[in-house]
């Protein structure tokens, strides 16, 4: 059932987890304040 797949969880588990987290502008602004 494809409805049971949470894409956010799946992306964070894989090798693209750091890239996926860096997509959000709010997340990247928190990481690099200056």
ModelCIF file with pLDDT and N, C-alpha, C, O atoms, coordinates in Angstrom:
data_MODEL
#
_entry.id   MODEL 
#
_entity.id                         1 
_entity.type                       polymer 
_entity.pdbx_number_of_molecules   1 
#
_entity_poly.entity_id                      1 
_entity_poly.type                           'polypeptide(L)' 
_entity_poly.nstd_linkage                   no 
_entity_poly.nstd_monomer                   no 
_entity_poly.pdbx_seq_one_letter_code       
;(UNK)(UNK)(UNK)(UNK)(UNK)(UNK)(UNK)(UNK)(UNK)(UNK)(UNK)(UNK)(UNK)(UNK)(UNK)(UNK)
(UNK)(UNK)(UNK)(UNK)(UNK)(UNK)(UNK)(UNK)(UNK)(UNK)(UNK)(UNK)(UNK)(UNK)(UNK)(UNK)
(UNK)(UNK)
;
_entity_poly.pdbx_seq_one_letter_code_can   XXXXXXXXXXXXXXXXXXXXXXXXXXXXXXXXXX 
_entity_poly.pdbx_strand_id                 A 
#
loop_
_entity_poly_seq.entity_id 
_entity_poly_seq.num 
_entity_poly_seq.mon_id 
_entity_poly_seq.hetero 
1 1  UNK n 
1 2  UNK n 
1 3  UNK n 
1 4  UNK n 
1 5  UNK n 
1 6  UNK n 
1 7  UNK n 
1 8  UNK n 
1 9  UNK n 
1 10 UNK n 
1 11 UNK n 
1 12 UNK n 
1 13 UNK n 
1 14 UNK n 
1 15 UNK n 
1 16 UNK n 
1 17 UNK n 
1 18 UNK n 
1 19 UNK n 
1 20 UNK n 
1 21 UNK n 
1 22 UNK n 
1 23 UNK n 
1 24 UNK n 
1 25 UNK n 
1 26 UNK n 
1 27 UNK n 
1 28 UNK n 
1 29 UNK n 
1 30 UNK n 
1 31 UNK n 
1 32 UNK n 
1 33 UNK n 
1 34 UNK n 
#
_struct_asym.id          A 
_struct_asym.entity_id   1 
#
loop_
_ma_qa_metric.id 
_ma_qa_metric.mode 
_ma_qa_metric.name 
_ma_qa_metric.software_group_id 
_ma_qa_metric.type 
1 global pLDDT . pLDDT 
2 local  pLDDT . pLDDT 
#
_ma_qa_metric_global.metric_id      1 
_ma_qa_metric_global.metric_value   54.74 
_ma_qa_metric_global.model_id       1 
_ma_qa_metric_global.ordinal_id     1 
#
loop_
_ma_qa_metric_local.label_asym_id 
_ma_qa_metric_local.label_comp_id 
_ma_qa_metric_local.label_seq_id 
_ma_qa_metric_local.metric_id 
_ma_qa_metric_local.metric_value 
_ma_qa_metric_local.model_id 
_ma_qa_metric_local.ordinal_id 
A UNK 1  2 47.00 1 1  
A UNK 2  2 48.00 1 2  
A UNK 3  2 48.00 1 3  
A UNK 4  2 54.00 1 4  
A UNK 5  2 54.00 1 5  
A UNK 6  2 58.00 1 6  
A UNK 7  2 57.00 1 7  
A UNK 8  2 60.00 1 8  
A UNK 9  2 61.00 1 9  
A UNK 10 2 60.00 1 10 
A UNK 11 2 59.00 1 11 
A UNK 12 2 61.00 1 12 
A UNK 13 2 62.00 1 13 
A UNK 14 2 59.00 1 14 
A UNK 15 2 56.00 1 15 
A UNK 16 2 54.00 1 16 
A UNK 17 2 52.00 1 17 
A UNK 18 2 55.00 1 18 
A UNK 19 2 54.00 1 19 
A UNK 20 2 51.00 1 20 
A UNK 21 2 56.00 1 21 
A UNK 22 2 56.00 1 22 
A UNK 23 2 55.00 1 23 
A UNK 24 2 53.00 1 24 
A UNK 25 2 55.00 1 25 
A UNK 26 2 54.00 1 26 
A UNK 27 2 51.00 1 27 
A UNK 28 2 50.00 1 28 
A UNK 29 2 53.00 1 29 
A UNK 30 2 54.00 1 30 
A UNK 31 2 53.00 1 31 
A UNK 32 2 52.00 1 32 
A UNK 33 2 55.00 1 33 
A UNK 34 2 54.00 1 34 
#
loop_
_atom_site.group_PDB 
_atom_site.id 
_atom_site.type_symbol 
_atom_site.label_atom_id 
_atom_site.label_alt_id 
_atom_site.label_comp_id 
_atom_site.label_asym_id 
_atom_site.label_entity_id 
_atom_site.label_seq_id 
_atom_site.pdbx_PDB_ins_code 
_atom_site.Cartn_x 
_atom_site.Cartn_y 
_atom_site.Cartn_z 
_atom_site.occupancy 
_atom_site.B_iso_or_equiv 
_atom_site.pdbx_formal_charge 
_atom_site.auth_seq_id 
_atom_site.auth_comp_id 
_atom_site.auth_asym_id 
_atom_site.auth_atom_id 
_atom_site.pdbx_PDB_model_num 
ATOM 1   N N  . UNK A 1 1  ? 0.846  -1.180 0.000  1.00 47.00 ? 1  UNK A N  1 
ATOM 2   C CA . UNK A 1 1  ? 0.000  0.000  0.000  1.00 47.00 ? 1  UNK A CA 1 
ATOM 3   C C  . UNK A 1 1  ? 0.887  1.238  0.000  1.00 47.00 ? 1  UNK A C  1 
ATOM 4   O O  . UNK A 1 1  ? 1.565  1.496  0.995  1.00 47.00 ? 1  UNK A O  1 
ATOM 5   N N  . UNK A 1 2  ? 0.905  2.019  -1.095 1.00 48.00 ? 2  UNK A N  1 
ATOM 6   C CA . UNK A 1 2  ? 1.775  3.181  -1.139 1.00 48.00 ? 2  UNK A CA 1 
ATOM 7   C C  . UNK A 1 2  ? 1.361  4.275  -0.156 1.00 48.00 ? 2  UNK A C  1 
ATOM 8   O O  . UNK A 1 2  ? 2.152  5.170  0.141  1.00 48.00 ? 2  UNK A O  1 
ATOM 9   N N  . UNK A 1 3  ? 0.141  4.211  0.343  1.00 48.00 ? 3  UNK A N  1 
ATOM 10  C CA . UNK A 1 3  ? -0.290 5.221  1.307  1.00 48.00 ? 3  UNK A CA 1 
ATOM 11  C C  . UNK A 1 3  ? 0.414  5.067  2.645  1.00 48.00 ? 3  UNK A C  1 
ATOM 12  O O  . UNK A 1 3  ? 0.388  5.992  3.457  1.00 48.00 ? 3  UNK A O  1 
ATOM 13  N N  . UNK A 1 4  ? 1.037  3.933  2.894  1.00 54.00 ? 4  UNK A N  1 
ATOM 14  C CA . UNK A 1 4  ? 1.713  3.716  4.171  1.00 54.00 ? 4  UNK A CA 1 
ATOM 15  C C  . UNK A 1 4  ? 3.147  4.232  4.163  1.00 54.00 ? 4  UNK A C  1 
ATOM 16  O O  . UNK A 1 4  ? 3.814  4.197  5.196  1.00 54.00 ? 4  UNK A O  1 
ATOM 17  N N  . UNK A 1 5  ? 3.628  4.703  3.037  1.00 54.00 ? 5  UNK A N  1 
ATOM 18  C CA . UNK A 1 5  ? 4.997  5.199  2.957  1.00 54.00 ? 5  UNK A CA 1 
ATOM 19  C C  . UNK A 1 5  ? 5.008  6.678  3.315  1.00 54.00 ? 5  UNK A C  1 
ATOM 20  O O  . UNK A 1 5  ? 4.281  7.472  2.717  1.00 54.00 ? 5  UNK A O  1 
ATOM 21  N N  . UNK A 1 6  ? 5.828  7.047  4.283  1.00 58.00 ? 6  UNK A N  1 
ATOM 22  C CA . UNK A 1 6  ? 6.018  8.443  4.651  1.00 58.00 ? 6  UNK A CA 1 
ATOM 23  C C  . UNK A 1 6  ? 7.300  8.889  3.986  1.00 58.00 ? 6  UNK A C  1 
ATOM 24  O O  . UNK A 1 6  ? 8.384  8.461  4.382  1.00 58.00 ? 6  UNK A O  1 
ATOM 25  N N  . UNK A 1 7  ? 7.196  9.747  2.977  1.00 57.00 ? 7  UNK A N  1 
ATOM 26  C CA . UNK A 1 7  ? 8.358  10.121 2.177  1.00 57.00 ? 7  UNK A CA 1 
ATOM 27  C C  . UNK A 1 7  ? 9.395  10.865 3.002  1.00 57.00 ? 7  UNK A C  1 
ATOM 28  O O  . UNK A 1 7  ? 10.592 10.728 2.747  1.00 57.00 ? 7  UNK A O  1 
ATOM 29  N N  . UNK A 1 8  ? 8.969  11.644 3.978  1.00 60.00 ? 8  UNK A N  1 
ATOM 30  C CA . UNK A 1 8  ? 9.920  12.376 4.819  1.00 60.00 ? 8  UNK A CA 1 
ATOM 31  C C  . UNK A 1 8  ? 10.771 11.402 5.625  1.00 60.00 ? 8  UNK A C  1 
ATOM 32  O O  . UNK A 1 8  ? 11.988 11.565 5.706  1.00 60.00 ? 8  UNK A O  1 
ATOM 33  N N  . UNK A 1 9  ? 10.149 10.404 6.213  1.00 61.00 ? 9  UNK A N  1 
ATOM 34  C CA . UNK A 1 9  ? 10.905 9.408  6.973  1.00 61.00 ? 9  UNK A CA 1 
ATOM 35  C C  . UNK A 1 9  ? 11.836 8.616  6.070  1.00 61.00 ? 9  UNK A C  1 
ATOM 36  O O  . UNK A 1 9  ? 12.975 8.335  6.441  1.00 61.00 ? 9  UNK A O  1 
ATOM 37  N N  . UNK A 1 10 ? 11.360 8.260  4.899  1.00 60.00 ? 10 UNK A N  1 
ATOM 38  C CA . UNK A 1 10 ? 12.171 7.464  3.984  1.00 60.00 ? 10 UNK A CA 1 
ATOM 39  C C  . UNK A 1 10 ? 13.378 8.251  3.496  1.00 60.00 ? 10 UNK A C  1 
ATOM 40  O O  . UNK A 1 10 ? 14.470 7.698  3.367  1.00 60.00 ? 10 UNK A O  1 
ATOM 41  N N  . UNK A 1 11 ? 13.190 9.539  3.225  1.00 59.00 ? 11 UNK A N  1 
ATOM 42  C CA . UNK A 1 11 ? 14.309 10.359 2.746  1.00 59.00 ? 11 UNK A CA 1 
ATOM 43  C C  . UNK A 1 11 ? 15.332 10.584 3.851  1.00 59.00 ? 11 UNK A C  1 
ATOM 44  O O  . UNK A 1 11 ? 16.533 10.611 3.583  1.00 59.00 ? 11 UNK A O  1 
ATOM 45  N N  . UNK A 1 12 ? 14.872 10.745 5.092  1.00 61.00 ? 12 UNK A N  1 
ATOM 46  C CA . UNK A 1 12 ? 15.825 10.966 6.182  1.00 61.00 ? 12 UNK A CA 1 
ATOM 47  C C  . UNK A 1 12 ? 16.609 9.699  6.507  1.00 61.00 ? 12 UNK A C  1 
ATOM 48  O O  . UNK A 1 12 ? 17.714 9.784  7.042  1.00 61.00 ? 12 UNK A O  1 
ATOM 49  N N  . UNK A 1 13 ? 16.061 8.523  6.194  1.00 62.00 ? 13 UNK A N  1 
ATOM 50  C CA . UNK A 1 13 ? 16.772 7.272  6.441  1.00 62.00 ? 13 UNK A CA 1 
ATOM 51  C C  . UNK A 1 13 ? 17.886 7.054  5.428  1.00 62.00 ? 13 UNK A C  1 
ATOM 52  O O  . UNK A 1 13 ? 18.910 6.451  5.749  1.00 62.00 ? 13 UNK A O  1 
ATOM 53  N N  . UNK A 1 14 ? 17.695 7.531  4.235  1.00 59.00 ? 14 UNK A N  1 
ATOM 54  C CA . UNK A 1 14 ? 18.639 7.257  3.161  1.00 59.00 ? 14 UNK A CA 1 
ATOM 55  C C  . UNK A 1 14 ? 19.830 8.182  3.183  1.00 59.00 ? 14 UNK A C  1 
ATOM 56  O O  . UNK A 1 14 ? 20.005 8.959  4.121  1.00 59.00 ? 14 UNK A O  1 
ATOM 57  N N  . UNK A 1 15 ? 20.662 8.100  2.135  1.00 56.00 ? 15 UNK A N  1 
ATOM 58  C CA . UNK A 1 15 ? 21.870 8.916  2.047  1.00 56.00 ? 15 UNK A CA 1 
ATOM 59  C C  . UNK A 1 15 ? 21.545 10.366 1.708  1.00 56.00 ? 15 UNK A C  1 
ATOM 60  O O  . UNK A 1 15 ? 22.400 11.240 1.852  1.00 56.00 ? 15 UNK A O  1 
ATOM 61  N N  . UNK A 1 16 ? 20.340 10.628 1.268  1.00 54.00 ? 16 UNK A N  1 
ATOM 62  C CA . UNK A 1 16 ? 19.948 11.985 0.950  1.00 54.00 ? 16 UNK A CA 1 
ATOM 63  C C  . UNK A 1 16 ? 19.354 12.693 2.156  1.00 54.00 ? 16 UNK A C  1 
ATOM 64  O O  . UNK A 1 16 ? 18.782 13.773 2.005  1.00 54.00 ? 16 UNK A O  1 
ATOM 65  N N  . UNK A 1 17 ? 19.469 12.129 3.330  1.00 52.00 ? 17 UNK A N  1 
ATOM 66  C CA . UNK A 1 17 ? 18.868 12.718 4.525  1.00 52.00 ? 17 UNK A CA 1 
ATOM 67  C C  . UNK A 1 17 ? 19.374 14.113 4.808  1.00 52.00 ? 17 UNK A C  1 
ATOM 68  O O  . UNK A 1 17 ? 18.587 14.998 5.141  1.00 52.00 ? 17 UNK A O  1 
ATOM 69  N N  . UNK A 1 18 ? 20.679 14.330 4.682  1.00 55.00 ? 18 UNK A N  1 
ATOM 70  C CA . UNK A 1 18 ? 21.223 15.661 4.959  1.00 55.00 ? 18 UNK A CA 1 
ATOM 71  C C  . UNK A 1 18 ? 20.806 16.647 3.880  1.00 55.00 ? 18 UNK A C  1 
ATOM 72  O O  . UNK A 1 18 ? 20.560 17.817 4.172  1.00 55.00 ? 18 UNK A O  1 
ATOM 73  N N  . UNK A 1 19 ? 20.723 16.190 2.645  1.00 54.00 ? 19 UNK A N  1 
ATOM 74  C CA . UNK A 1 19 ? 20.284 17.066 1.568  1.00 54.00 ? 19 UNK A CA 1 
ATOM 75  C C  . UNK A 1 19 ? 18.816 17.422 1.758  1.00 54.00 ? 19 UNK A C  1 
ATOM 76  O O  . UNK A 1 19 ? 18.414 18.567 1.554  1.00 54.00 ? 19 UNK A O  1 
ATOM 77  N N  . UNK A 1 20 ? 18.028 16.440 2.147  1.00 51.00 ? 20 UNK A N  1 
ATOM 78  C CA . UNK A 1 20 ? 16.589 16.648 2.348  1.00 51.00 ? 20 UNK A CA 1 
ATOM 79  C C  . UNK A 1 20 ? 16.347 17.656 3.469  1.00 51.00 ? 20 UNK A C  1 
ATOM 80  O O  . UNK A 1 20 ? 15.463 18.506 3.358  1.00 51.00 ? 20 UNK A O  1 
ATOM 81  N N  . UNK A 1 21 ? 17.118 17.567 4.533  1.00 56.00 ? 21 UNK A N  1 
ATOM 82  C CA . UNK A 1 21 ? 16.948 18.495 5.645  1.00 56.00 ? 21 UNK A CA 1 
ATOM 83  C C  . UNK A 1 21 ? 17.407 19.891 5.273  1.00 56.00 ? 21 UNK A C  1 
ATOM 84  O O  . UNK A 1 21 ? 16.913 20.874 5.825  1.00 56.00 ? 21 UNK A O  1 
ATOM 85  N N  . UNK A 1 22 ? 18.342 19.992 4.348  1.00 56.00 ? 22 UNK A N  1 
ATOM 86  C CA . UNK A 1 22 ? 18.846 21.296 3.926  1.00 56.00 ? 22 UNK A CA 1 
ATOM 87  C C  . UNK A 1 22 ? 17.965 21.989 2.913  1.00 56.00 ? 22 UNK A C  1 
ATOM 88  O O  . UNK A 1 22 ? 18.270 23.115 2.519  1.00 56.00 ? 22 UNK A O  1 
ATOM 89  N N  . UNK A 1 23 ? 16.902 21.378 2.481  1.00 55.00 ? 23 UNK A N  1 
ATOM 90  C CA . UNK A 1 23 ? 16.023 21.978 1.479  1.00 55.00 ? 23 UNK A CA 1 
ATOM 91  C C  . UNK A 1 23 ? 15.186 23.092 2.090  1.00 55.00 ? 23 UNK A C  1 
ATOM 92  O O  . UNK A 1 23 ? 14.935 24.108 1.443  1.00 55.00 ? 23 UNK A O  1 
ATOM 93  N N  . UNK A 1 24 ? 14.761 22.912 3.307  1.00 53.00 ? 24 UNK A N  1 
ATOM 94  C CA . UNK A 1 24 ? 13.903 23.892 3.965  1.00 53.00 ? 24 UNK A CA 1 
ATOM 95  C C  . UNK A 1 24 ? 14.700 25.150 4.296  1.00 53.00 ? 24 UNK A C  1 
ATOM 96  O O  . UNK A 1 24 ? 15.756 25.047 4.921  1.00 53.00 ? 24 UNK A O  1 
ATOM 97  N N  . UNK A 1 25 ? 14.226 26.356 3.891  1.00 55.00 ? 25 UNK A N  1 
ATOM 98  C CA . UNK A 1 25 ? 14.977 27.595 4.190  1.00 55.00 ? 25 UNK A CA 1 
ATOM 99  C C  . UNK A 1 25 ? 15.067 27.868 5.687  1.00 55.00 ? 25 UNK A C  1 
ATOM 100 O O  . UNK A 1 25 ? 16.067 28.420 6.146  1.00 55.00 ? 25 UNK A O  1 
ATOM 101 N N  . UNK A 1 26 ? 14.068 27.503 6.444  1.00 54.00 ? 26 UNK A N  1 
ATOM 102 C CA . UNK A 1 26 ? 14.101 27.738 7.888  1.00 54.00 ? 26 UNK A CA 1 
ATOM 103 C C  . UNK A 1 26 ? 15.177 26.877 8.537  1.00 54.00 ? 26 UNK A C  1 
ATOM 104 O O  . UNK A 1 26 ? 15.879 27.336 9.438  1.00 54.00 ? 26 UNK A O  1 
ATOM 105 N N  . UNK A 1 27 ? 15.313 25.631 8.085  1.00 51.00 ? 27 UNK A N  1 
ATOM 106 C CA . UNK A 1 27 ? 16.323 24.737 8.638  1.00 51.00 ? 27 UNK A CA 1 
ATOM 107 C C  . UNK A 1 27 ? 17.720 25.242 8.313  1.00 51.00 ? 27 UNK A C  1 
ATOM 108 O O  . UNK A 1 27 ? 18.603 25.223 9.170  1.00 51.00 ? 27 UNK A O  1 
ATOM 109 N N  . UNK A 1 28 ? 17.928 25.700 7.068  1.00 50.00 ? 28 UNK A N  1 
ATOM 110 C CA . UNK A 1 28 ? 19.269 26.146 6.685  1.00 50.00 ? 28 UNK A CA 1 
ATOM 111 C C  . UNK A 1 28 ? 19.622 27.465 7.353  1.00 50.00 ? 28 UNK A C  1 
ATOM 112 O O  . UNK A 1 28 ? 20.798 27.714 7.620  1.00 50.00 ? 28 UNK A O  1 
ATOM 113 N N  . UNK A 1 29 ? 18.635 28.323 7.633  1.00 53.00 ? 29 UNK A N  1 
ATOM 114 C CA . UNK A 1 29 ? 18.899 29.582 8.331  1.00 53.00 ? 29 UNK A CA 1 
ATOM 115 C C  . UNK A 1 29 ? 19.284 29.317 9.773  1.00 53.00 ? 29 UNK A C  1 
ATOM 116 O O  . UNK A 1 29 ? 20.098 30.053 10.331 1.00 53.00 ? 29 UNK A O  1 
ATOM 117 N N  . UNK A 1 30 ? 18.726 28.291 10.391 1.00 54.00 ? 30 UNK A N  1 
ATOM 118 C CA . UNK A 1 30 ? 19.082 27.937 11.764 1.00 54.00 ? 30 UNK A CA 1 
ATOM 119 C C  . UNK A 1 30 ? 20.503 27.414 11.829 1.00 54.00 ? 30 UNK A C  1 
ATOM 120 O O  . UNK A 1 30 ? 21.210 27.661 12.806 1.00 54.00 ? 30 UNK A O  1 
ATOM 121 N N  . UNK A 1 31 ? 20.930 26.697 10.804 1.00 53.00 ? 31 UNK A N  1 
ATOM 122 C CA . UNK A 1 31 ? 22.267 26.111 10.805 1.00 53.00 ? 31 UNK A CA 1 
ATOM 123 C C  . UNK A 1 31 ? 23.333 27.171 10.570 1.00 53.00 ? 31 UNK A C  1 
ATOM 124 O O  . UNK A 1 31 ? 24.422 27.092 11.139 1.00 53.00 ? 31 UNK A O  1 
ATOM 125 N N  . UNK A 1 32 ? 23.033 28.155 9.741  1.00 52.00 ? 32 UNK A N  1 
ATOM 126 C CA . UNK A 1 32 ? 24.017 29.171 9.393  1.00 52.00 ? 32 UNK A CA 1 
ATOM 127 C C  . UNK A 1 32 ? 23.487 30.549 9.802  1.00 52.00 ? 32 UNK A C  1 
ATOM 128 O O  . UNK A 1 32 ? 22.938 31.263 8.962  1.00 52.00 ? 32 UNK A O  1 
ATOM 129 N N  . UNK A 1 33 ? 23.637 30.934 11.065 1.00 55.00 ? 33 UNK A N  1 
ATOM 130 C CA . UNK A 1 33 ? 23.060 32.203 11.503 1.00 55.00 ? 33 UNK A CA 1 
ATOM 131 C C  . UNK A 1 33 ? 23.751 33.415 10.900 1.00 55.00 ? 33 UNK A C  1 
ATOM 132 O O  . UNK A 1 33 ? 23.092 34.437 10.709 1.00 55.00 ? 33 UNK A O  1 
ATOM 133 N N  . UNK A 1 34 ? 25.021 33.358 10.595 1.00 54.00 ? 34 UNK A N  1 
ATOM 134 C CA . UNK A 1 34 ? 25.729 34.540 10.086 1.00 54.00 ? 34 UNK A CA 1 
ATOM 135 C C  . UNK A 1 34 ? 25.824 34.553 8.589  1.00 54.00 ? 34 UNK A C  1 
ATOM 136 O O  . UNK A 1 34 ? 26.391 35.482 8.014  1.00 54.00 ? 34 UNK A O  1 
#
